[in-house]
C-alpha atoms as a PDB file:
ATOM      1  CA  UNK A   1      17.474   9.861  -3.878  1.00  0.00           C
ATOM      2  CA  UNK A   2      17.150  12.564  -1.662  1.00  0.00           C
ATOM      3  CA  UNK A   3      13.840  11.097  -0.417  1.00  0.00           C
ATOM      4  CA  UNK A   4      15.113   7.686   0.215  1.00  0.00           C
ATOM      5  CA  UNK A   5      17.680   9.597   2.518  1.00  0.00           C
ATOM      6  CA  UNK A   6      15.907  11.559   4.378  1.00  0.00           C
ATOM      7  CA  UNK A   7      13.141   8.058   4.993  1.00  0.00           C
ATOM      8  CA  UNK A   8      16.154   6.178   5.801  1.00  0.00           C
ATOM      9  CA  UNK A   9      17.548   9.371   8.619  1.00  0.00           C
ATOM     10  CA  UNK A  10      14.260   8.825   9.471  1.00  0.00           C
ATOM     11  CA  UNK A  11      14.088   5.261  10.343  1.00  0.00           C
ATOM     12  CA  UNK A  12      17.113   5.122  11.876  1.00  0.00           C
ATOM     13  CA  UNK A  13      16.844   7.844  13.853  1.00  0.00           C
ATOM     14  CA  UNK A  14      13.282   6.350  15.161  1.00  0.00           C
ATOM     15  CA  UNK A  15      14.847   3.059  15.588  1.00  0.00           C
ATOM     16  CA  UNK A  16      17.771   4.513  18.073  1.00  0.00           C
ATOM     17  CA  UNK A  17      15.450   6.034  20.064  1.00  0.00           C
ATOM     18  CA  UNK A  18      12.904   3.287  20.366  1.00  0.00           C
ATOM     19  CA  UNK A  19      15.578   1.037  21.327  1.00  0.00           C
ATOM     20  CA  UNK A  20      17.146   3.427  24.207  1.00  0.00           C
ATOM     21  CA  UNK A  21      13.307   3.759  25.046  1.00  0.00           C
ATOM     22  CA  UNK A  22      12.568   0.194  25.173  1.00  0.00           C
ATOM     23  CA  UNK A  23      13.717  -0.579  28.985  1.00  0.00           C
ATOM     24  CA  UNK A  24      11.977   2.666  30.200  1.00  0.00           C
ATOM     25  CA  UNK A  25       8.653   3.263  28.486  1.00  0.00           C
ATOM     26  CA  UNK A  26       7.949   0.332  26.742  1.00  0.00           C
ATOM     27  CA  UNK A  27       4.669   1.325  24.710  1.00  0.00           C
ATOM     28  CA  UNK A  28       6.559   4.044  23.250  1.00  0.00           C
ATOM     29  CA  UNK A  29       8.643   2.297  20.793  1.00  0.00           C
ATOM     30  CA  UNK A  30       5.447   1.163  19.168  1.00  0.00           C
ATOM     31  CA  UNK A  31       4.512   4.969  19.178  1.00  0.00           C
ATOM     32  CA  UNK A  32       7.770   6.063  17.788  1.00  0.00           C
ATOM     33  CA  UNK A  33       7.844   3.351  14.660  1.00  0.00           C
ATOM     34  CA  UNK A  34       4.200   4.225  13.655  1.00  0.00           C
ATOM     35  CA  UNK A  35       4.882   7.879  14.129  1.00  0.00           C
ATOM     36  CA  UNK A  36       8.326   7.202  11.542  1.00  0.00           C
ATOM     37  CA  UNK A  37       6.420   5.358   9.442  1.00  0.00           C
ATOM     38  CA  UNK A  38       3.656   7.886   9.080  1.00  0.00           C
ATOM     39  CA  UNK A  39       6.312  10.620   8.253  1.00  0.00           C
ATOM     40  CA  UNK A  40       7.562   8.138   5.764  1.00  0.00           C
ATOM     41  CA  UNK A  41       4.593   7.460   4.006  1.00  0.00           C
ATOM     42  CA  UNK A  42       4.179  11.276   3.692  1.00  0.00           C
ATOM     43  CA  UNK A  43       7.189  11.964   2.117  1.00  0.00           C
ATOM     44  CA  UNK A  44       6.448   8.825  -0.216  1.00  0.00           C
ATOM     45  CA  UNK A  45       2.814  10.767  -1.244  1.00  0.00           C
ATOM     46  CA  UNK A  46       4.968  13.547  -2.658  1.00  0.00           C
ATOM     47  CA  UNK A  47       6.000  10.932  -5.603  1.00  0.00           C
ATOM     48  CA  UNK A  48       2.279  10.172  -5.911  1.00  0.00           C
ATOM     49  CA  UNK A  49       1.161  12.954  -8.199  1.00  0.00           C
ATOM     50  CA  UNK A  50       3.316  12.511 -10.652  1.00  0.00           C
ATOM     51  CA  UNK A  51       3.076   8.593 -10.763  1.00  0.00           C
ATOM     52  CA  UNK A  52      -0.703   9.544 -10.930  1.00  0.00           C
ATOM     53  CA  UNK A  53      -0.973  11.666 -13.871  1.00  0.00           C
ATOM     54  CA  UNK A  54       1.824   9.446 -16.081  1.00  0.00           C
ATOM     55  CA  UNK A  55      -0.419   6.585 -15.587  1.00  0.00           C
ATOM     56  CA  UNK A  56      -3.647   8.646 -16.548  1.00  0.00           C
ATOM     57  CA  UNK A  57      -1.594   9.985 -19.536  1.00  0.00           C
ATOM     58  CA  UNK A  58      -0.765   6.331 -20.696  1.00  0.00           C
ATOM     59  CA  UNK A  59      -4.243   5.388 -20.437  1.00  0.00           C
ATOM     60  CA  UNK A  60      -5.665   8.221 -22.256  1.00  0.00           C
ATOM     61  CA  UNK A  61      -2.695   7.466 -25.080  1.00  0.00           C
ATOM     62  CA  UNK A  62      -3.697   3.725 -25.605  1.00  0.00           C
ATOM     63  CA  UNK A  63      -7.421   4.240 -24.970  1.00  0.00           C
ATOM     64  CA  UNK A  64      -7.826   2.884 -22.042  1.00  0.00           C
ATOM     65  CA  UNK A  65     -11.210   3.106 -20.550  1.00  0.00           C
ATOM     66  CA  UNK A  66     -12.704   3.548 -16.816  1.00  0.00           C
ATOM     67  CA  UNK A  67     -13.470   0.083 -16.707  1.00  0.00           C
ATOM     68  CA  UNK A  68      -9.454  -1.198 -17.209  1.00  0.00           C
ATOM     69  CA  UNK A  69      -8.358   1.411 -15.034  1.00  0.00           C
ATOM     70  CA  UNK A  70     -10.641   1.920 -11.952  1.00  0.00           C
ATOM     71  CA  UNK A  71     -10.349  -1.850 -11.253  1.00  0.00           C
ATOM     72  CA  UNK A  72      -6.196  -1.567 -11.270  1.00  0.00           C
ATOM     73  CA  UNK A  73      -6.005   1.845  -9.534  1.00  0.00           C
ATOM     74  CA  UNK A  74      -8.686  -0.250  -6.947  1.00  0.00           C
ATOM     75  CA  UNK A  75      -6.220  -3.569  -6.949  1.00  0.00           C
ATOM     76  CA  UNK A  76      -3.412  -1.296  -6.210  1.00  0.00           C
ATOM     77  CA  UNK A  77      -4.793   0.619  -3.644  1.00  0.00           C
ATOM     78  CA  UNK A  78      -5.567  -2.601  -1.809  1.00  0.00           C
ATOM     79  CA  UNK A  79      -2.049  -4.077  -2.392  1.00  0.00           C
ATOM     80  CA  UNK A  80      -0.865  -0.696  -0.800  1.00  0.00           C
ATOM     81  CA  UNK A  81      -2.995  -0.840   2.284  1.00  0.00           C
ATOM     82  CA  UNK A  82      -2.722  -4.806   2.962  1.00  0.00           C
ATOM     83  CA  UNK A  83       1.078  -3.951   3.093  1.00  0.00           C
ATOM     84  CA  UNK A  84       0.951  -1.359   5.179  1.00  0.00           C
ATOM     85  CA  UNK A  85      -1.677  -3.203   7.709  1.00  0.00           C
ATOM     86  CA  UNK A  86      -0.084  -6.290   8.229  1.00  0.00           C
ATOM     87  CA  UNK A  87       3.283  -5.186   8.573  1.00  0.00           C
ATOM     88  CA  UNK A  88       1.617  -2.519  11.690  1.00  0.00           C
ATOM     89  CA  UNK A  89      -0.151  -5.878  12.702  1.00  0.00           C
ATOM     90  CA  UNK A  90       3.207  -7.926  13.002  1.00  0.00           C
ATOM     91  CA  UNK A  91       4.612  -5.288  14.406  1.00  0.00           C
ATOM     92  CA  UNK A  92       2.672  -5.137  17.256  1.00  0.00           C
ATOM     93  CA  UNK A  93       2.921  -8.905  17.886  1.00  0.00           C
ATOM     94  CA  UNK A  94      -0.776  -9.890  15.875  1.00  0.00           C
ATOM     95  CA  UNK A  95       0.299 -12.384  13.516  1.00  0.00           C
ATOM     96  CA  UNK A  96      -3.085 -13.902  13.278  1.00  0.00           C
ATOM     97  CA  UNK A  97      -4.974 -10.232  12.656  1.00  0.00           C
ATOM     98  CA  UNK A  98      -2.264  -9.614   9.704  1.00  0.00           C
ATOM     99  CA  UNK A  99      -3.245 -12.882   8.428  1.00  0.00           C
ATOM    100  CA  UNK A 100      -6.902 -12.075   8.497  1.00  0.00           C
ATOM    101  CA  UNK A 101      -5.580  -8.627   7.052  1.00  0.00           C
ATOM    102  CA  UNK A 102      -4.230 -10.417   3.932  1.00  0.00           C
ATOM    103  CA  UNK A 103      -7.456 -12.749   3.598  1.00  0.00           C
ATOM    104  CA  UNK A 104      -9.478  -9.619   3.588  1.00  0.00           C
ATOM    105  CA  UNK A 105      -7.138  -7.991   1.240  1.00  0.00           C
ATOM    106  CA  UNK A 106      -7.064 -10.701  -1.274  1.00  0.00           C
ATOM    107  CA  UNK A 107     -10.898 -11.424  -1.323  1.00  0.00           C
ATOM    108  CA  UNK A 108     -11.479  -7.557  -1.494  1.00  0.00           C
ATOM    109  CA  UNK A 109      -9.243  -7.585  -4.514  1.00  0.00           C
ATOM    110  CA  UNK A 110     -10.580 -10.053  -6.226  1.00  0.00           C
ATOM    111  CA  UNK A 111     -13.924  -8.244  -5.870  1.00  0.00           C
ATOM    112  CA  UNK A 112     -12.574  -5.094  -7.406  1.00  0.00           C
ATOM    113  CA  UNK A 113     -10.970  -6.959  -9.930  1.00  0.00           C
ATOM    114  CA  UNK A 114     -14.484  -8.461 -10.986  1.00  0.00           C
ATOM    115  CA  UNK A 115     -15.437  -5.701 -13.910  1.00  0.00           C
ATOM    116  CA  UNK A 116     -12.022  -6.784 -15.696  1.00  0.00           C
ATOM    117  CA  UNK A 117     -12.914 -10.629 -15.326  1.00  0.00           C
ATOM    118  CA  UNK A 118     -16.551  -9.802 -16.490  1.00  0.00           C
ATOM    119  CA  UNK A 119     -15.091  -8.272 -19.610  1.00  0.00           C
ATOM    120  CA  UNK A 120     -12.505 -10.607 -20.081  1.00  0.00           C
ATOM    121  CA  UNK A 121     -15.620 -13.129 -19.929  1.00  0.00           C
ATOM    122  CA  UNK A 122     -17.685 -11.199 -22.376  1.00  0.00           C
ATOM    123  CA  UNK A 123     -14.752 -11.265 -24.746  1.00  0.00           C
ATOM    124  CA  UNK A 124     -14.350 -15.317 -24.685  1.00  0.00           C
ATOM    125  CA  UNK A 125     -17.997 -15.670 -25.584  1.00  0.00           C
ATOM    126  CA  UNK A 126     -17.835 -13.415 -28.758  1.00  0.00           C
ATOM    127  CA  UNK A 127     -14.608 -15.237 -29.688  1.00  0.00           C
ATOM    128  CA  UNK A 128     -15.781 -18.663 -29.228  1.00  0.00           C
END
């Protein structure tokens, strides 16, 4: 709860400062937004370690091998990076670049998931 409150306060403060600076220095609101986003991202990263350890423990508990977990982690990372990249591009007024990022991320996620898909196909071959 405290992390969310800090993130909201940081975003609101940056938004108010950006709107105050909009007329006098048009470049600063974008930089301020990027700085606020980076600060919120750093706050959020503090939550990543317990989540990662939980998922590793869960994977060990149900005997998931790296064949399954590694592509899932890669797809998760691609999804997070895609969201950040497209949001930054849209904020900068670059909608076409944001769509290019989406296409690249979808392609990269499919590529990262190929080991899972190959495992699925081999399972189907054994069943049929």
